[in-house]
Structure formats: C-alpha cells, structure tokens
Protein backbone atom coordinates (compact mmCIF):
# COMPACT_ATOMS: atom_id res chain seq x y z
CA GLY A 1 16.08 10.96 -38.84
CA LEU A 2 12.96 13.09 -36.71
CA LYS A 3 12.42 15.97 -38.40
CA ASP A 4 9.30 16.85 -37.23
CA ILE A 5 9.72 18.37 -33.70
CA PRO A 6 6.48 18.08 -31.90
CA ASP A 7 5.25 21.69 -30.31
CA PRO A 8 6.43 21.31 -26.48
CA ASP A 9 3.63 23.09 -25.32
CA PRO A 10 2.09 21.28 -22.34
CA ILE A 11 -0.75 22.01 -23.11
CA LYS A 12 -0.63 20.60 -26.26
CA GLN A 13 1.25 17.61 -25.23
CA ALA A 14 -1.68 17.11 -21.93
CA ALA A 15 -4.24 16.56 -24.99
CA ALA A 16 -2.17 14.30 -26.50
CA PHE A 17 -2.46 11.29 -23.81
CA ASN A 18 -4.42 8.06 -23.95
CA LEU A 19 -6.12 7.55 -20.74
CA PRO A 20 -8.08 4.03 -19.87
CA GLU A 21 -11.70 5.77 -18.95
CA GLY A 22 -12.05 6.79 -15.49
CA MET A 23 -8.08 8.30 -14.94
CA GLU A 24 -7.58 12.06 -15.34
CA ILE A 25 -3.96 13.37 -15.78
CA GLN A 26 -2.48 16.59 -14.67
CA LEU A 27 0.53 19.00 -15.25
CA VAL A 28 2.10 19.23 -11.88
CA ALA A 29 5.10 20.90 -13.12
CA SER A 30 7.05 22.06 -16.00
CA ASP A 31 9.50 24.28 -17.55
CA PRO A 32 11.47 26.37 -16.46
CA MET A 33 10.06 25.60 -13.09
CA ILE A 34 11.94 22.09 -13.75
CA ALA A 35 14.65 20.96 -16.21
CA LYS A 36 15.28 17.47 -16.91
CA PRO A 37 14.32 15.20 -13.90
CA VAL A 38 16.39 11.68 -13.65
CA GLN A 39 14.29 10.67 -10.22
CA MET A 40 12.20 11.46 -7.74
CA ASN A 41 11.10 10.17 -4.57
CA PHE A 42 9.14 11.99 -1.78
CA ASP A 43 9.74 12.85 1.87
CA SER A 44 8.07 12.11 4.89
CA ARG A 45 6.50 15.80 4.55
CA GLY A 46 5.18 15.08 1.36
CA ARG A 47 7.68 17.14 -0.73
CA LEU A 48 8.62 15.80 -4.39
CA TRP A 49 12.43 15.81 -4.46
CA LEU A 50 13.77 15.37 -8.13
CA VAL A 51 17.48 15.47 -9.49
CA SER A 52 17.74 17.74 -12.54
CA SER A 53 20.34 17.19 -15.11
CA GLY A 54 20.61 19.29 -18.34
CA MET A 55 24.23 18.29 -18.33
CA TYR A 56 23.43 14.99 -19.63
CA PRO A 57 24.96 13.50 -21.81
CA HIS A 58 28.18 14.72 -21.13
CA ILE A 59 29.47 18.11 -20.17
CA VAL A 60 30.38 20.26 -22.43
CA PRO A 61 34.25 21.01 -23.00
CA GLY A 62 34.85 24.27 -20.72
CA ALA A 63 31.24 24.29 -18.82
CA GLU A 64 30.46 24.97 -15.50
CA GLU A 65 28.84 21.66 -13.31
CA ASN A 66 25.30 23.13 -12.60
CA ASP A 67 22.80 19.70 -12.33
CA LYS A 68 20.44 20.62 -9.82
CA VAL A 69 18.71 18.82 -6.79
CA LEU A 70 15.18 20.65 -6.60
CA ILE A 71 12.29 19.95 -4.07
CA LEU A 72 9.15 21.16 -5.22
CA GLU A 73 5.87 21.77 -2.67
CA ASP A 74 1.90 22.12 -3.63
CA THR A 75 1.27 24.94 -0.51
CA ASN A 76 -2.54 25.33 -1.84
CA GLY A 77 -3.50 21.55 -2.57
CA ASP A 78 -4.78 22.06 -5.87
CA GLY A 79 -2.34 19.27 -6.97
CA ILE A 80 0.43 21.69 -8.93
CA ALA A 81 3.65 22.73 -7.62
CA ASP A 82 3.33 26.21 -6.67
CA LYS A 83 6.81 26.63 -4.99
CA ARG A 84 10.26 25.20 -6.20
CA THR A 85 13.36 25.69 -3.94
CA VAL A 86 17.18 24.46 -5.13
CA PHE A 87 18.60 21.95 -2.53
CA ALA A 88 21.66 21.86 -4.28
CA ASP A 89 23.64 22.79 -7.64
CA ASN A 90 26.66 22.19 -8.96
CA LEU A 91 26.44 19.00 -9.10
CA HIS A 92 27.65 16.50 -12.39
CA ILE A 93 24.87 14.33 -14.14
CA PRO A 94 23.27 13.22 -10.84
CA THR A 95 20.74 10.62 -11.15
CA ALA A 96 19.20 9.40 -8.18
CA VAL A 97 18.47 11.45 -5.04
CA LEU A 98 16.30 9.85 -2.26
CA PRO A 99 15.30 12.57 1.01
CA ALA A 100 16.26 10.44 4.35
CA ASP A 101 18.29 10.60 7.59
CA GLY A 102 17.93 14.55 8.05
CA GLY A 103 19.74 15.18 4.52
CA ALA A 104 19.42 13.26 0.99
CA TYR A 105 21.64 10.97 -0.27
CA VAL A 106 22.31 11.80 -4.09
CA ALA A 107 24.23 9.98 -7.19
CA ASN A 108 26.48 12.32 -8.85
CA SER A 109 28.20 10.02 -10.75
CA THR A 110 31.16 8.49 -9.48
CA GLU A 111 29.69 9.38 -6.08
CA ILE A 112 27.07 8.77 -3.79
CA ILE A 113 26.76 12.08 -1.27
CA PHE A 114 24.74 12.89 1.29
CA LEU A 115 23.81 16.60 1.52
CA LYS A 116 21.79 18.48 4.80
CA ASP A 117 20.52 21.54 5.64
CA THR A 118 21.76 22.81 8.95
CA ASP A 119 20.31 26.69 9.03
CA GLY A 120 17.42 25.92 7.74
CA ASP A 121 17.13 27.84 5.28
CA GLY A 122 15.80 25.18 2.39
CA LYS A 123 19.24 24.78 1.06
CA ALA A 124 22.47 22.37 1.61
CA ASP A 125 24.68 23.57 3.42
CA GLN A 126 26.71 20.19 4.26
CA ARG A 127 28.63 17.62 1.62
CA ARG A 128 29.83 14.12 2.34
CA VAL A 129 30.96 12.03 0.23
CA VAL A 130 28.87 8.19 1.00
CA LEU A 131 30.67 6.12 -0.91
CA SER A 132 32.97 6.80 -3.71
CA GLY A 133 34.63 4.56 -6.85
CA PHE A 134 31.84 3.87 -8.96
CA GLY A 135 32.58 3.70 -12.77
CA THR A 136 31.84 6.09 -15.64
CA GLU A 137 32.17 4.50 -18.50
CA ASP A 138 28.91 5.18 -20.17
CA THR A 139 26.60 8.03 -18.62
CA HIS A 140 23.43 6.03 -19.35
CA HIS A 141 24.53 3.49 -17.08
CA ILE A 142 26.57 5.52 -13.85
CA VAL A 143 25.23 4.40 -10.19
CA HIS A 144 20.99 5.44 -10.34
CA THR A 145 17.73 4.64 -8.84
CA PHE A 146 17.82 5.01 -5.25
CA GLU A 147 14.94 2.98 -3.17
CA GLN A 148 14.66 2.93 0.54
CA GLY A 149 13.56 -0.45 1.88
CA PRO A 150 11.35 -1.23 4.26
CA ASP A 151 15.03 -2.26 6.02
CA GLY A 152 16.11 1.14 6.02
CA MET A 153 18.71 0.69 3.89
CA LEU A 154 19.80 2.28 0.83
CA TYR A 155 19.20 0.30 -2.45
CA PHE A 156 21.05 1.07 -5.71
CA LEU A 157 21.96 -0.16 -9.73
CA GLN A 158 24.32 0.32 -11.94
CA SER A 159 24.42 -1.09 -15.35
CA ILE A 160 26.60 -3.47 -17.74
CA TYR A 161 29.54 -0.98 -18.96
CA ILE A 162 30.49 0.49 -14.80
CA HIS A 163 33.33 -1.33 -13.37
CA SER A 164 32.75 -0.21 -9.57
CA HIS A 165 35.75 -0.52 -6.76
CA LEU A 166 34.32 0.80 -3.38
CA GLU A 167 36.73 1.40 -0.37
CA THR A 168 34.46 0.41 2.45
CA PRO A 169 35.14 -0.67 6.27
CA TYR A 170 34.32 -4.11 5.23
CA GLY A 171 37.05 -3.96 2.64
CA VAL A 172 36.70 -2.87 -0.63
CA ARG A 173 33.80 -4.28 -2.65
CA ARG A 174 33.62 -4.85 -6.76
CA LEU A 175 30.71 -4.70 -8.98
CA MET A 176 32.49 -5.44 -12.80
CA GLY A 177 29.09 -4.72 -14.33
CA GLY A 178 25.30 -4.47 -14.03
CA GLY A 179 23.79 -5.19 -11.19
CA ILE A 180 22.19 -3.95 -7.31
CA TRP A 181 23.85 -2.80 -4.43
CA HIS A 182 22.72 -2.12 -0.73
CA PHE A 183 24.17 0.38 2.06
CA ARG A 184 23.25 0.02 5.54
CA PRO A 185 23.85 3.96 6.32
CA GLU A 186 24.53 3.43 10.30
CA THR A 187 27.61 0.94 9.97
CA GLN A 188 28.94 2.23 6.37
CA ARG A 189 28.29 -1.37 4.82
CA ALA A 190 27.96 -1.78 1.29
CA GLU A 191 26.94 -5.68 -0.28
CA ILE A 192 25.77 -6.57 -3.56
CA LEU A 193 22.33 -7.93 -3.93
CA SER A 194 22.16 -8.72 -7.38
CA LYS A 195 24.39 -9.37 -10.29
CA GLY A 196 23.67 -9.09 -14.08
CA LEU A 197 20.73 -7.28 -16.39
CA ILE A 198 22.17 -4.78 -19.10
CA ASN A 199 20.78 -1.44 -17.40
CA PRO A 200 18.39 -1.63 -14.50
CA TRP A 201 16.52 1.42 -14.34
CA GLY A 202 13.66 0.61 -11.86
CA PHE A 203 13.50 -1.08 -8.51
CA ILE A 204 10.90 -1.67 -6.21
CA PHE A 205 9.65 -3.99 -2.96
CA ASP A 206 6.40 -5.26 -3.14
CA GLU A 207 4.01 -5.69 0.16
CA HIS A 208 5.97 -8.41 1.57
CA GLY A 209 9.34 -7.34 0.87
CA GLN A 210 9.88 -9.43 -2.30
CA THR A 211 12.47 -7.23 -4.99
CA PHE A 212 11.27 -6.83 -8.53
CA ALA A 213 13.82 -4.87 -11.38
CA THR A 214 13.19 -3.68 -14.92
CA ASP A 215 16.00 -3.21 -17.45
CA GLY A 216 16.07 -0.18 -19.81
CA ALA A 217 18.23 -2.25 -22.21
CA GLY A 218 16.85 -5.73 -22.24
CA GLY A 219 13.79 -7.55 -23.07
CA HIS A 220 12.68 -9.55 -20.38
CA GLY A 221 10.41 -7.13 -18.91
CA ILE A 222 9.54 -7.59 -14.81
CA ASN A 223 12.79 -9.34 -12.80
CA ASP A 224 12.47 -11.18 -9.75
CA ILE A 225 15.32 -10.11 -8.08
CA PHE A 226 16.66 -11.84 -4.75
CA PRO A 227 19.60 -12.11 -2.50
CA ARG A 228 22.88 -13.57 -5.23
CA SER A 229 20.31 -13.82 -8.04
CA VAL A 230 22.64 -13.58 -11.28
CA PHE A 231 21.08 -12.42 -14.38
CA ARG A 232 22.09 -12.00 -17.76
CA THR A 233 25.84 -9.98 -18.89
CA SER A 234 27.04 -10.70 -15.58
CA PRO A 235 30.56 -11.58 -16.05
CA GLY A 236 31.66 -15.08 -15.58
CA ALA A 237 28.50 -16.03 -14.47
CA LYS A 238 27.66 -19.77 -15.24
CA ARG A 239 24.26 -19.91 -14.73
CA ILE A 240 21.71 -17.19 -14.39
CA VAL A 241 17.97 -15.90 -14.08
CA ASP A 242 15.73 -14.84 -16.58
CA GLY A 243 13.36 -12.36 -16.88
CA LEU A 244 9.45 -12.86 -16.01
CA ASN A 245 8.13 -11.36 -19.45
CA PRO A 246 10.71 -12.61 -22.27
CA GLY A 247 10.16 -10.69 -25.41
CA GLN A 248 8.39 -7.36 -23.73
CA PRO A 249 10.21 -3.84 -24.22
CA LYS A 250 13.02 -2.09 -22.85
CA LEU A 251 11.45 -0.32 -19.80
CA CYS A 252 12.83 2.16 -17.14
CA GLY A 253 11.12 2.72 -14.15
CA LEU A 254 9.06 0.59 -11.46
CA GLU A 255 6.35 1.58 -9.46
CA ILE A 256 3.48 -0.96 -7.60
CA LEU A 257 -0.01 0.60 -6.96
CA SER A 258 -1.09 1.04 -4.11
CA GLY A 259 -3.33 2.57 -2.13
CA SER A 260 -7.54 3.41 -1.51
CA HIS A 261 -7.32 6.13 -3.86
CA VAL A 262 -6.09 3.49 -6.88
CA PRO A 263 -9.02 1.25 -8.23
CA GLU A 264 -9.19 -2.29 -6.56
CA LYS A 265 -8.56 -3.65 -10.33
CA PHE A 266 -5.34 -1.91 -10.45
CA ARG A 267 -4.06 -2.36 -7.01
CA GLY A 268 -0.86 -4.69 -6.74
CA VAL A 269 -0.09 -3.86 -10.76
CA LEU A 270 3.16 -3.20 -11.88
CA ILE A 271 3.88 -0.36 -13.91
CA ALA A 272 6.68 0.55 -15.74
CA PRO A 273 7.66 3.23 -18.64
CA ASP A 274 8.46 2.19 -22.09
CA PHE A 275 10.18 5.82 -22.79
CA ARG A 276 11.22 4.37 -25.92
CA GLY A 277 7.04 3.56 -27.18
CA HIS A 278 6.05 7.12 -25.19
CA ARG A 279 3.63 4.90 -23.25
CA ILE A 280 3.94 3.12 -19.36
CA ASN A 281 3.48 -0.86 -19.07
CA ALA A 282 1.23 -2.92 -17.09
CA TYR A 283 2.10 -6.08 -15.40
CA ARG A 284 0.01 -8.81 -12.70
CA LEU A 285 2.05 -10.87 -11.25
CA ASN A 286 0.90 -13.79 -9.72
CA PRO A 287 3.12 -16.32 -7.26
CA GLU A 288 4.01 -19.77 -9.01
CA GLY A 289 6.47 -22.65 -7.48
CA SER A 290 9.59 -20.60 -5.85
CA SER A 291 9.20 -17.35 -7.89
CA TYR A 292 6.14 -15.44 -10.19
CA ASN A 293 4.69 -15.67 -13.42
CA SER A 294 4.25 -11.74 -15.02
CA THR A 295 1.32 -11.43 -17.26
CA ARG A 296 1.52 -8.11 -19.52
CA ILE A 297 -2.12 -6.60 -19.59
CA ASP A 298 -3.75 -3.10 -21.10
CA ASP A 299 -0.82 -0.31 -20.71
CA PHE A 300 -1.24 1.82 -18.09
CA LEU A 301 -1.49 4.73 -20.50
CA SER A 302 0.02 6.27 -23.50
CA SER A 303 0.72 9.33 -25.72
CA SER A 304 1.12 10.18 -29.22
CA HIS A 305 3.01 13.37 -28.56
CA ARG A 306 6.92 11.91 -29.50
CA ALA A 307 8.64 14.14 -26.56
CA PHE A 308 7.14 12.48 -23.68
CA ARG A 309 9.51 9.82 -22.34
CA PRO A 310 8.29 8.57 -19.04
CA ILE A 311 10.88 7.64 -17.36
CA ASP A 312 10.17 7.70 -13.50
CA VAL A 313 6.87 6.80 -11.51
CA LYS A 314 5.97 6.88 -8.21
CA MET A 315 3.32 6.90 -6.11
CA GLY A 316 2.57 10.39 -3.92
CA PRO A 317 1.66 10.92 -0.48
CA ASP A 318 -1.65 12.25 -2.07
CA GLY A 319 -2.49 8.71 -3.17
CA ALA A 320 -1.83 9.66 -6.97
CA LEU A 321 0.39 8.43 -9.27
CA TYR A 322 3.51 10.52 -10.23
CA ILE A 323 5.27 10.29 -13.55
CA ALA A 324 8.73 12.16 -14.55
CA ASP A 325 8.61 13.05 -18.08
CA TRP A 326 12.40 13.19 -19.19
CA TYR A 327 10.87 15.35 -22.57
CA THR A 328 12.72 15.19 -26.09
CA PRO A 329 12.08 13.86 -28.90
CA ILE A 330 14.65 11.47 -29.54
CA ILE A 331 16.23 8.50 -27.51
CA GLN A 332 18.54 9.53 -24.71
CA HIS A 333 20.48 6.66 -25.39
CA GLY A 334 23.61 5.39 -27.29
CA GLU A 335 21.79 5.30 -30.79
CA VAL A 336 21.90 9.32 -31.07
CA ASP A 337 24.95 11.82 -31.15
CA PHE A 338 25.80 13.56 -28.27
CA ARG A 339 25.94 16.87 -29.94
CA ASP A 340 22.73 16.40 -31.69
CA ALA A 341 21.08 19.36 -31.90
CA ARG A 342 17.56 18.16 -31.13
CA ARG A 343 18.61 16.82 -28.16
CA ASP A 344 16.56 18.81 -25.32
CA HIS A 345 18.14 20.26 -22.75
CA SER A 346 16.15 22.38 -21.11
CA ARG A 347 12.66 21.18 -20.71
CA GLY A 348 10.80 18.08 -18.56
CA ARG A 349 7.20 17.61 -17.09
CA ILE A 350 6.11 16.02 -13.83
CA TRP A 351 2.77 15.19 -14.54
CA ARG A 352 -0.06 13.67 -12.14
CA VAL A 353 -2.80 10.61 -12.52
CA THR A 354 -5.87 10.48 -10.59
CA PHE A 355 -9.03 8.22 -10.51
CA LYS A 356 -12.56 9.55 -10.95
CA GLY A 357 -15.09 8.87 -8.04
CA GLN A 358 -12.17 7.62 -5.77
CA PRO A 359 -11.06 10.34 -3.00
CA LEU A 360 -7.34 11.09 -2.31
CA ILE A 361 -6.10 10.02 1.00
CA GLU A 362 -4.93 12.76 3.57
CA LYS A 363 -1.56 14.23 2.95
CA LYS A 364 0.64 13.96 6.35
CA ASP A 365 3.69 16.17 7.57
CA PHE A 366 5.06 13.19 9.38
CA SER A 367 8.00 15.10 10.50
CA LYS A 368 5.16 16.42 13.55
CA PHE A 369 4.19 13.26 14.53
CA SER A 370 5.27 12.01 17.68
CA ILE A 371 6.82 8.06 18.11
CA LYS A 372 3.83 6.51 19.21
CA GLU A 373 2.11 8.12 16.24
CA LEU A 374 4.90 7.06 13.67
CA LEU A 375 4.54 3.60 15.03
CA ALA A 376 0.98 3.44 14.53
CA HIS A 377 0.97 4.90 11.22
CA THR A 378 3.56 2.39 10.13
CA ILE A 379 0.31 -0.58 10.05
CA SER A 380 -1.19 1.93 7.85
CA LYS A 381 -3.58 0.12 5.25
CA GLU A 382 -2.11 3.13 3.34
CA ARG A 383 1.50 2.06 2.13
CA ILE A 384 2.50 5.29 1.36
CA HIS A 385 1.68 6.35 4.96
CA ARG A 386 3.76 3.52 6.32
CA GLU A 387 6.76 4.23 4.04
CA GLN A 388 6.78 7.68 5.39
CA ALA A 389 6.34 6.89 9.34
CA ARG A 390 8.86 4.49 8.95
CA ASN A 391 11.11 6.98 7.15
CA GLU A 392 10.88 9.97 9.79
CA LEU A 393 11.53 6.85 12.22
CA ARG A 394 15.08 7.09 11.68
CA THR A 395 15.52 10.58 12.30
CA ARG A 396 14.00 10.08 15.17
CA THR A 397 16.52 9.43 19.37
CA ASP A 398 15.13 6.30 21.54
CA VAL A 399 13.06 5.11 19.17
CA LEU A 400 13.72 1.69 20.69
CA PRO A 401 12.28 0.85 23.80
CA GLU A 402 9.06 2.11 22.87
CA LEU A 403 9.06 0.06 19.56
CA SER A 404 9.65 -3.24 21.31
CA THR A 405 7.01 -2.31 23.54
CA TRP A 406 4.72 -1.25 20.71
CA SER A 407 5.90 -4.71 18.71
CA SER A 408 5.57 -6.75 21.91
CA LYS A 409 1.54 -6.12 21.54
CA LEU A 410 0.86 -7.22 18.16
CA THR A 411 -0.89 -9.96 16.93
CA ASP A 412 -1.34 -10.85 13.38
CA ASN A 413 1.07 -11.59 10.89
CA PHE A 414 0.57 -8.07 9.07
CA SER A 415 1.54 -5.94 11.85
CA ARG A 416 4.34 -8.24 12.85
CA MET A 417 6.03 -8.12 9.69
CA GLN A 418 6.14 -4.23 9.52
CA ALA A 419 7.55 -3.81 13.38
CA MET A 420 10.09 -6.62 12.29
CA TRP A 421 10.81 -3.44 9.26
CA ASN A 422 10.49 -1.56 11.62
CA HIS A 423 13.56 -3.03 13.98
CA GLN A 424 15.52 -3.21 10.90
CA ALA A 425 14.88 0.06 10.25
CA VAL A 426 16.11 1.59 12.95
CA ASN A 427 19.34 -1.21 12.60
CA HIS A 428 17.78 -3.40 15.24
CA THR A 429 16.83 -7.06 14.81
CA ALA A 430 13.90 -8.46 16.28
CA ILE A 431 14.30 -12.29 16.95
CA ASN A 432 11.09 -12.70 18.60
CA LEU A 433 9.06 -11.22 15.89
CA ILE A 434 11.49 -13.51 12.72
CA LYS A 435 10.83 -16.55 14.97
CA SER A 436 7.53 -15.82 14.80
CA LEU A 437 6.78 -14.80 11.12
CA ILE A 438 9.14 -17.86 10.10
CA SER A 439 6.56 -20.45 11.44
CA SER A 440 3.32 -18.74 9.29
CA ASP A 441 1.39 -20.80 7.88
CA ASP A 442 1.46 -17.73 4.45
CA PRO A 443 4.69 -17.98 3.04
CA ARG A 444 4.96 -14.17 1.92
CA TYR A 445 5.35 -13.83 5.42
CA ARG A 446 8.06 -16.77 5.85
CA ALA A 447 9.79 -15.20 3.00
CA ALA A 448 9.40 -11.53 4.16
CA ALA A 449 10.94 -13.69 7.68
CA LEU A 450 13.92 -15.03 5.21
CA ARG A 451 15.17 -12.32 3.67
CA VAL A 452 15.69 -10.02 6.90
CA ILE A 453 17.42 -13.48 8.53
CA TYR A 454 20.19 -12.87 4.98
CA HIS A 455 21.20 -9.35 5.98
CA ARG A 456 21.45 -10.40 9.60
CA HIS A 457 22.15 -14.29 10.00
CA GLU A 458 24.93 -13.17 12.74
CA GLU A 459 22.69 -11.36 14.73
CA VAL A 460 20.41 -14.27 14.47
CA THR A 461 20.92 -17.15 17.00
CA GLY A 462 20.25 -20.51 15.18
CA ALA A 463 19.68 -18.69 11.80
CA THR A 464 21.27 -21.96 9.89
CA ASP A 465 18.81 -24.41 12.07
CA ILE A 466 15.73 -21.77 11.30
CA ILE A 467 16.38 -21.97 7.32
CA LYS A 468 16.44 -25.79 7.12
CA LYS A 469 12.87 -25.94 8.82
C-alpha cells in the first residue's frame, strides 16, 4: 500500500505539473477556502459554483451533515478566488451543482433539490425537492454530473448499482442501472436519454448539440451518446453500443476546448481527467458514418504528484480552463476501506490553465444585460458567452416576442441553430427554424434539428414525414 504520502503544500504540487509548451497553470483556490470539490459550474455572472463533500464516502455514525455549496469569485481579475460564499450547507454527499433559473440545482444523495436566495444575502433560504427516488446503493454511483443543454434542460447521470424510481406528473420513471436523464424544469418532465455504462462521470454537448460521455469504471474512452442508445451493463440489453476508444483509461469528467483564448490546434479537442493516472487525457473526434472515430492524442497535462486527482474540467468565462482537483493520495473508489486513515477529507484545489500569447476573453456579467443584448450574445463566436447568455434568458419574462422577431431576421445556419435552441431554452418550439435546418446541406445542422424533433415531436406537425425525408 501507499506509505509515502506526498507533501500537501500547493506550491510543491504546482511544481510537479508536466505542461506542454505554451501552457501555464495557476492555483485558483485551495484548502481551507475549499475542500473536496466534486463538481463545478459557472453562472451567468461568471462566478464559480461547486459542491464540496468532506463527508464522502459515507457519513460517520453520529456525525452531522455538513457538506456545502460554495460560490467563488475573483473580484480583482488576477485569476485567484478572493471571495467565498457558503450558499448552502447541511447537505448529504452532494455530487452536482448547476446555477440556473434564479437559484441552483443540487444533487443531494436520494434527491435533486432547488435552492434559492430570496433576500439577496448570498445564501439560500428556500429549499425545494425537485425530484426524489434516486437509489443510494453506492455513494460513488449516486445521481451526479449536471449539465445544462442548449435546449434549456437539465441533464444528469447515475451509475450501475443505482436503482431509481421517480414520481413525476407523467408517471413513475425507472432506471435500474447506469444511464443519463434529462429534465424539463417548467413541466417537471424527467425522461431517460441513454442507458448503460458502468460509472459515467462526464457528459458534454458539442458545438452542434451532439452528446458524449466518459466512464469512470469503463475502458472505452469517449462514448457517443444519442437518444435511446444502450451501452454495456444496462440490465436486459439485447444490443449495445461500444465506446469509441476500446482499451483506454477510465475517465471522470469531460470538456471540449473552445474559445479564442485556446490555440487553434486545441480547439474542438475533448479532454477528460484520468484520476487514477494523475493526468488529463485528450481525444480528437472526426465524423465517421453515422457516428465518429476518436483518436487519443498527447495528454493535455499530467502531474508527478500522487495526490493530484482531477475529477472535473470546465471552460471558464475568461476563456481559461478550470480543473477541480479532489486531492487525495489514495483512489476514492471501492479499492480502499471507507475508514482508511489515508483518505483525505479536508483538502481540495481548483486550478486554472491559460495559454501564453493568447489574450483571455472578456469576462461579462450577463445578469445586467437586456434581452436584446442577450440574444446578440447567443450567436457570439465565444461558446462560453453563448451558453451564459442563453442560461440568463431563462430567468427573464416575456422573452418570446423579442426572440421571435430577432430569429426571423437570421439567415445563416449557425445563427438559426442558436435561435432554435433559444426557443427550446424558453420551452417553445420554433417550427420554421427546425424545417430550415432539417433541409440543410450540412449534416451537422440536420442532426441538430433532428435532436429537437426527438424531444418535441408532439409539437412538430408532420414530424414523421420530416424525418423520412
């Protein structure tokens, strides 16, 4: 077993990184400001939200629940978090957070809750259960990994040993193993997007709305996720889809490098933490038939520090890449006893990767923008700005009239696709945009429109005939 416990000094850990030429890394936050970051996401103001679980992997008998949702801010623009707010505490092994819809969605073991600050003090004073009935058979398999799609829905994952039975207005929805869910907050509708995988812990949309996942216990690298796809270990599956990289490391988290700050050679590359190997792997995808081929390329970065455990990666509002480092000398899995004294419960780091000679993008507070300004930013060249603007649109009232007028003036496929998603994000179906894109000569735009039809076919007149064409 491991006896040589590495020095926890962040300065020594920073010196242990192996970085490609032109790349720099900076410590954003460390203990005691944060501890055990599980997942992170940015809000429309550019603040970093994360869930922190020092209790993991189980609560000590007699102990109080003390896990938290934290908000980190860099108030002077130097890249280092200098303000921390405890948005919520008394949580039980939270595994995901998504700031959205005027509050934050949090995965809290058996349930997904919505937290909201109504008096402006920065702390949640309202707590509402959104969905419940998720299994708890294994704490590293419970419901996790929140991603807001361009369609405005909340996507989340669960893993192989979890058996979920959700009561919804549309009936009971069950998932008896690993898989990926989507949830429409306005209607409370929860459905399964894909089944299977062993311990999926990464999920992402690409530039044209296609979805991919990684598996923390599987060995197939990147997985091409599409509606009703079924992967290994799904109970009773008669046919399965394999991942794109058989024999690859087990991965946790997933991001696509994007934005003008990222050098051209890296844009579009998928990166995924190999938490066992103290590194972040990189993959390049190319279309192949109705799916993709995926080629593993040189590691994005690695570390010789044995406590570096990257588990989440996110593009930030400044164009830099942010890494959540669970920080522990032993693997936080089932290989080591839950009560092993080497398990770390108090440390954690957030790292920030930037590129020399590449200007950062302007960090913006979209909460101060008008609807007109938000719509303009949904067709920005910067993907992070498009996502932040679209998420902010969901918090506004009477968006549809201005959105419809704006959409009618767009002529290129890229802008029309963003507009189609804007409509979806505010729970409206833009039939004309769908028909325009489904007839595009570019298969990427046809696929984007087809995905919308899948989710909203009841509102698309002649959907079956459109698909046949």
